[in-house]
C-alpha cells in the first residue's frame, strides 16, 4: 500500500491526500457530535425562568 503511494502518479497521491483529509474532517465532526451528545446528557439545559421561581 505504502509502496503504491510512493510510486504513484501525482494524481493518485493527490487523490489519496484528499480522501484522507475528507475522512479526517468527518471523523472530527462525528467526535464533536458525540461530545455534545454526552455533555447534554450529563448537563441538561435548565431554563432561567424555572431556576428563578424556585
N, C-alpha and C. Protein backbone atom coordinates (compact mmCIF):
# COMPACT_ATOMS: atom_id res chain seq x y z
N UNK A 1 0.84 -1.20 0.00
CA UNK A 1 0.00 0.00 0.00
C UNK A 1 0.87 1.25 0.00
N UNK A 2 1.81 1.30 0.95
CA UNK A 2 2.68 2.47 1.01
C UNK A 2 3.56 2.56 -0.23
N UNK A 3 3.98 1.40 -0.74
CA UNK A 3 4.81 1.38 -1.94
C UNK A 3 4.04 1.92 -3.15
N UNK A 4 2.74 1.57 -3.23
CA UNK A 4 1.92 2.09 -4.32
C UNK A 4 1.75 3.60 -4.22
N UNK A 5 1.66 4.10 -3.00
CA UNK A 5 1.50 5.54 -2.82
C UNK A 5 2.79 6.28 -3.18
N UNK A 6 3.91 5.72 -2.79
CA UNK A 6 5.20 6.37 -3.08
C UNK A 6 5.46 6.40 -4.58
N UNK A 7 5.17 5.30 -5.27
CA UNK A 7 5.46 5.21 -6.70
C UNK A 7 4.29 5.68 -7.57
N UNK A 8 3.22 6.13 -6.94
CA UNK A 8 2.04 6.54 -7.70
C UNK A 8 2.24 7.86 -8.41
N UNK A 9 1.34 8.14 -9.32
CA UNK A 9 1.39 9.41 -10.04
C UNK A 9 0.95 10.55 -9.12
N UNK A 10 1.16 11.75 -9.59
CA UNK A 10 0.76 12.92 -8.80
C UNK A 10 -0.75 12.92 -8.56
N UNK A 11 -1.50 12.48 -9.56
CA UNK A 11 -2.96 12.43 -9.42
C UNK A 11 -3.35 11.45 -8.32
N UNK A 12 -2.73 10.28 -8.29
CA UNK A 12 -3.05 9.28 -7.27
C UNK A 12 -2.67 9.78 -5.87
N UNK A 13 -1.53 10.44 -5.78
CA UNK A 13 -1.12 10.99 -4.49
C UNK A 13 -2.10 12.08 -4.02
N UNK A 14 -2.49 12.93 -4.95
CA UNK A 14 -3.44 13.98 -4.61
C UNK A 14 -4.79 13.43 -4.20
N UNK A 15 -5.23 12.39 -4.90
CA UNK A 15 -6.50 11.75 -4.54
C UNK A 15 -6.43 11.12 -3.15
N UNK A 16 -5.31 10.48 -2.84
CA UNK A 16 -5.13 9.89 -1.52
C UNK A 16 -5.17 10.94 -0.43
N UNK A 17 -4.44 12.03 -0.62
CA UNK A 17 -4.40 13.10 0.38
C UNK A 17 -5.79 13.71 0.55
N UNK A 18 -6.51 13.89 -0.55
CA UNK A 18 -7.86 14.45 -0.49
C UNK A 18 -8.80 13.54 0.28
N UNK A 19 -8.75 12.25 0.00
CA UNK A 19 -9.64 11.31 0.69
C UNK A 19 -9.31 11.21 2.17
N UNK A 20 -8.03 11.19 2.51
CA UNK A 20 -7.64 11.14 3.92
C UNK A 20 -8.08 12.42 4.63
N UNK A 21 -7.94 13.55 3.96
CA UNK A 21 -8.35 14.82 4.56
C UNK A 21 -9.85 14.89 4.80
N UNK A 22 -10.63 14.46 3.82
CA UNK A 22 -12.09 14.46 3.98
C UNK A 22 -12.51 13.49 5.08
N UNK A 23 -11.88 12.32 5.11
CA UNK A 23 -12.18 11.35 6.16
C UNK A 23 -11.85 11.93 7.54
N UNK A 24 -10.73 12.63 7.64
CA UNK A 24 -10.35 13.26 8.90
C UNK A 24 -11.35 14.31 9.35
N UNK A 25 -11.83 15.10 8.41
CA UNK A 25 -12.81 16.13 8.74
C UNK A 25 -14.10 15.50 9.27
N UNK A 26 -14.57 14.45 8.60
CA UNK A 26 -15.80 13.82 9.05
C UNK A 26 -15.63 13.11 10.38
N UNK A 27 -14.46 12.54 10.63
CA UNK A 27 -14.22 11.91 11.92
C UNK A 27 -14.24 12.95 13.05
N UNK A 28 -13.67 14.11 12.81
CA UNK A 28 -13.69 15.17 13.83
C UNK A 28 -15.11 15.68 14.04
N UNK A 29 -15.89 15.81 12.97
CA UNK A 29 -17.28 16.23 13.12
C UNK A 29 -18.08 15.23 13.93
N UNK A 30 -17.87 13.94 13.68
CA UNK A 30 -18.55 12.90 14.45
C UNK A 30 -18.12 12.95 15.90
N UNK A 31 -16.83 13.19 16.15
CA UNK A 31 -16.33 13.31 17.51
C UNK A 31 -16.99 14.48 18.23
N UNK A 32 -17.07 15.64 17.59
CA UNK A 32 -17.74 16.80 18.19
C UNK A 32 -19.21 16.49 18.49
N UNK A 33 -19.88 15.82 17.56
CA UNK A 33 -21.28 15.46 17.76
C UNK A 33 -21.44 14.58 18.99
N UNK A 34 -20.58 13.59 19.11
CA UNK A 34 -20.67 12.68 20.26
C UNK A 34 -20.36 13.39 21.57
N UNK A 35 -19.38 14.29 21.56
CA UNK A 35 -19.06 15.04 22.78
C UNK A 35 -20.23 15.92 23.18
N UNK A 36 -20.88 16.56 22.21
CA UNK A 36 -22.04 17.40 22.52
C UNK A 36 -23.17 16.56 23.07
N UNK A 37 -23.41 15.38 22.49
CA UNK A 37 -24.47 14.50 23.00
C UNK A 37 -24.19 14.06 24.43
N UNK A 38 -22.94 13.73 24.74
CA UNK A 38 -22.58 13.32 26.11
C UNK A 38 -22.75 14.48 27.07
N UNK A 39 -22.31 15.67 26.69
CA UNK A 39 -22.46 16.82 27.57
C UNK A 39 -23.92 17.16 27.82
N UNK A 40 -24.76 17.08 26.80
CA UNK A 40 -26.17 17.40 27.02
C UNK A 40 -26.85 16.33 27.88
N UNK A 41 -26.35 15.11 27.86
CA UNK A 41 -26.93 14.07 28.71
C UNK A 41 -26.56 14.30 30.17
N UNK A 42 -25.29 14.67 30.44
CA UNK A 42 -24.84 14.85 31.81
C UNK A 42 -25.14 16.24 32.36
N UNK A 43 -25.27 17.22 31.50
CA UNK A 43 -25.57 18.60 31.91
C UNK A 43 -26.77 19.10 31.12
N UNK A 44 -27.99 18.68 31.47
CA UNK A 44 -29.16 19.07 30.69
C UNK A 44 -29.44 20.58 30.81
N UNK A 45 -30.12 21.09 29.80
CA UNK A 45 -30.45 22.51 29.77
C UNK A 45 -31.48 22.82 30.84
N UNK A 46 -31.24 23.88 31.60
CA UNK A 46 -32.18 24.35 32.61
C UNK A 46 -32.52 25.79 32.26
N UNK A 47 -33.79 26.06 32.03
CA UNK A 47 -34.18 27.42 31.68
C UNK A 47 -34.03 28.33 32.89
N UNK A 48 -33.76 29.60 32.63
CA UNK A 48 -33.55 30.55 33.70
C UNK A 48 -34.84 30.84 34.46
N UNK A 49 -35.99 30.73 33.81
CA UNK A 49 -37.26 31.01 34.47
C UNK A 49 -37.53 30.00 35.58
N UNK A 50 -37.26 28.74 35.35
CA UNK A 50 -37.55 27.73 36.37
C UNK A 50 -36.59 27.86 37.55
N UNK A 51 -35.38 28.30 37.33
CA UNK A 51 -34.43 28.44 38.43
C UNK A 51 -34.75 29.69 39.28
N UNK A 52 -35.36 30.71 38.68
CA UNK A 52 -35.70 31.92 39.42
C UNK A 52 -36.93 31.70 40.31
N UNK A 53 -37.86 30.87 39.88
CA UNK A 53 -39.09 30.68 40.65
C UNK A 53 -38.90 29.77 41.84
N UNK A 54 -37.86 28.98 41.86
CA UNK A 54 -37.65 28.06 42.99
C UNK A 54 -36.91 28.66 44.09
